[in-house]
Amino acid sequence: TAWTGTSTSNEWIQIDFNQSRMLDEFLVEQASGSSIDNFVLQSWDGANWKDIFTSYSPMGSRKFMPVLPISTSRVRLMIYSTASGVPAIDEFKAFYLKKPPG
């Protein structure tokens, strides 16, 4: 899924499934040298983006993001800022592991 932004703020990467999918966990792996430090994971509800995971701390090289099960056709990682340089992602993955809530 390799992707590199063009700005240090307000960048995003999206996965479009073309149809609704059940999802409950996400994985983002930053490229070496990337320093994402303020981001949200969002799902599309058919009309608007809805925040499903929010972080105001550095992402680190690998970030697992469990969420309550959702059904959506699109998800995006909205990157509000980096510590330095543009954001760069090696992998952005979505899963449905059928985890029980709570």
Protein backbone atom coordinates (compact mmCIF):
# COMPACT_ATOMS: atom_id res chain seq x y z
CA THR A 1 0.00 0.00 0.00
CA ALA A 2 3.03 2.33 -0.08
CA TRP A 3 2.01 6.00 0.00
CA THR A 4 3.75 9.31 0.69
CA GLY A 5 1.99 12.59 1.42
CA THR A 6 2.99 15.96 0.02
CA SER A 7 2.49 18.13 3.13
CA THR A 8 3.24 17.89 6.86
CA SER A 9 -0.43 18.42 7.80
CA ASN A 10 -3.97 17.50 6.74
CA GLU A 11 -3.06 14.54 4.56
CA TRP A 12 -5.05 11.32 4.19
CA ILE A 13 -4.93 7.84 2.71
CA GLN A 14 -8.12 5.88 1.98
CA ILE A 15 -9.15 2.28 1.38
CA ASP A 16 -12.27 1.94 -0.80
CA PHE A 17 -13.86 -1.52 -0.75
CA ASN A 18 -16.57 -0.65 -3.35
CA GLN A 19 -19.13 -2.33 -1.07
CA SER A 20 -19.79 -2.57 2.67
CA ARG A 21 -17.48 -4.75 4.74
CA MET A 22 -17.44 -5.66 8.42
CA LEU A 23 -14.23 -4.43 10.09
CA ASP A 24 -12.90 -4.36 13.64
CA GLU A 25 -9.13 -3.83 13.48
CA PHE A 26 -6.67 -1.78 11.46
CA LEU A 27 -2.91 -1.79 11.07
CA VAL A 28 -0.73 1.06 9.84
CA GLU A 29 3.01 0.68 9.31
CA GLN A 30 4.94 3.90 8.81
CA ALA A 31 7.84 4.05 6.40
CA SER A 32 11.28 4.61 7.90
CA GLY A 33 11.73 8.30 8.75
CA SER A 34 8.02 9.11 8.84
CA SER A 35 6.84 10.80 12.06
CA ILE A 36 3.02 10.92 12.23
CA ASP A 37 2.00 12.36 15.60
CA ASN A 38 -1.67 13.43 15.37
CA PHE A 39 -4.21 11.35 13.42
CA VAL A 40 -7.68 9.81 13.34
CA LEU A 41 -9.05 6.72 11.65
CA GLN A 42 -12.43 7.37 10.02
CA SER A 43 -15.18 5.27 8.42
CA TRP A 44 -17.66 6.40 5.77
CA ASP A 45 -21.32 6.17 6.83
CA GLY A 46 -22.70 6.83 3.34
CA ALA A 47 -22.82 10.61 3.75
CA ASN A 48 -20.07 11.65 6.20
CA TRP A 49 -16.76 10.58 7.71
CA LYS A 50 -17.06 9.29 11.29
CA ASP A 51 -14.08 9.12 13.70
CA ILE A 52 -13.56 5.56 14.95
CA PHE A 53 -10.05 5.82 16.45
CA THR A 54 -8.27 8.99 17.58
CA SER A 55 -4.66 9.49 18.67
CA TYR A 56 -2.86 12.62 19.80
CA SER A 57 0.47 10.90 20.41
CA PRO A 58 3.18 9.70 18.01
CA MET A 59 2.11 6.72 15.93
CA GLY A 60 5.34 4.75 16.12
CA SER A 61 6.54 2.39 13.41
CA ARG A 62 3.51 0.08 13.68
CA LYS A 63 0.06 0.97 15.04
CA PHE A 64 -2.72 -1.55 15.72
CA MET A 65 -6.13 0.08 16.07
CA PRO A 66 -8.94 -2.14 17.38
CA VAL A 67 -12.43 -0.66 17.02
CA LEU A 68 -15.96 -1.79 17.73
CA PRO A 69 -17.22 -3.79 14.72
CA ILE A 70 -18.38 -1.50 11.91
CA SER A 71 -19.85 -1.97 8.45
CA THR A 72 -18.47 0.50 5.91
CA SER A 73 -17.44 0.77 2.28
CA ARG A 74 -14.50 3.13 2.94
CA VAL A 75 -12.01 3.95 5.66
CA ARG A 76 -9.35 6.62 5.76
CA LEU A 77 -6.42 7.61 7.91
CA MET A 78 -6.58 11.39 8.38
CA ILE A 79 -3.17 12.73 9.37
CA TYR A 80 -3.37 16.12 11.04
CA SER A 81 0.35 16.59 11.67
CA THR A 82 3.83 15.07 11.71
CA ALA A 83 6.78 15.85 13.96
CA SER A 84 8.83 16.58 10.82
CA GLY A 85 8.64 15.92 7.11
CA VAL A 86 5.78 14.43 5.12
CA PRO A 87 3.93 11.29 6.26
CA ALA A 88 4.81 8.01 4.57
CA ILE A 89 2.96 4.69 4.92
CA ASP A 90 4.28 1.25 3.97
CA GLU A 91 1.07 -0.64 4.84
CA PHE A 92 -2.55 0.25 5.65
CA LYS A 93 -4.61 -2.86 6.38
CA ALA A 94 -8.18 -3.54 7.54
CA PHE A 95 -9.42 -6.74 9.19
CA TYR A 96 -12.54 -8.36 10.55
CA LEU A 97 -11.38 -10.62 13.37
CA LYS A 98 -14.87 -11.02 14.90
CA LYS A 99 -13.74 -9.80 18.30
CA PRO A 100 -16.50 -9.55 20.90
CA PRO A 101 -17.21 -5.97 22.05
CA GLY A 102 -15.68 -4.81 25.34
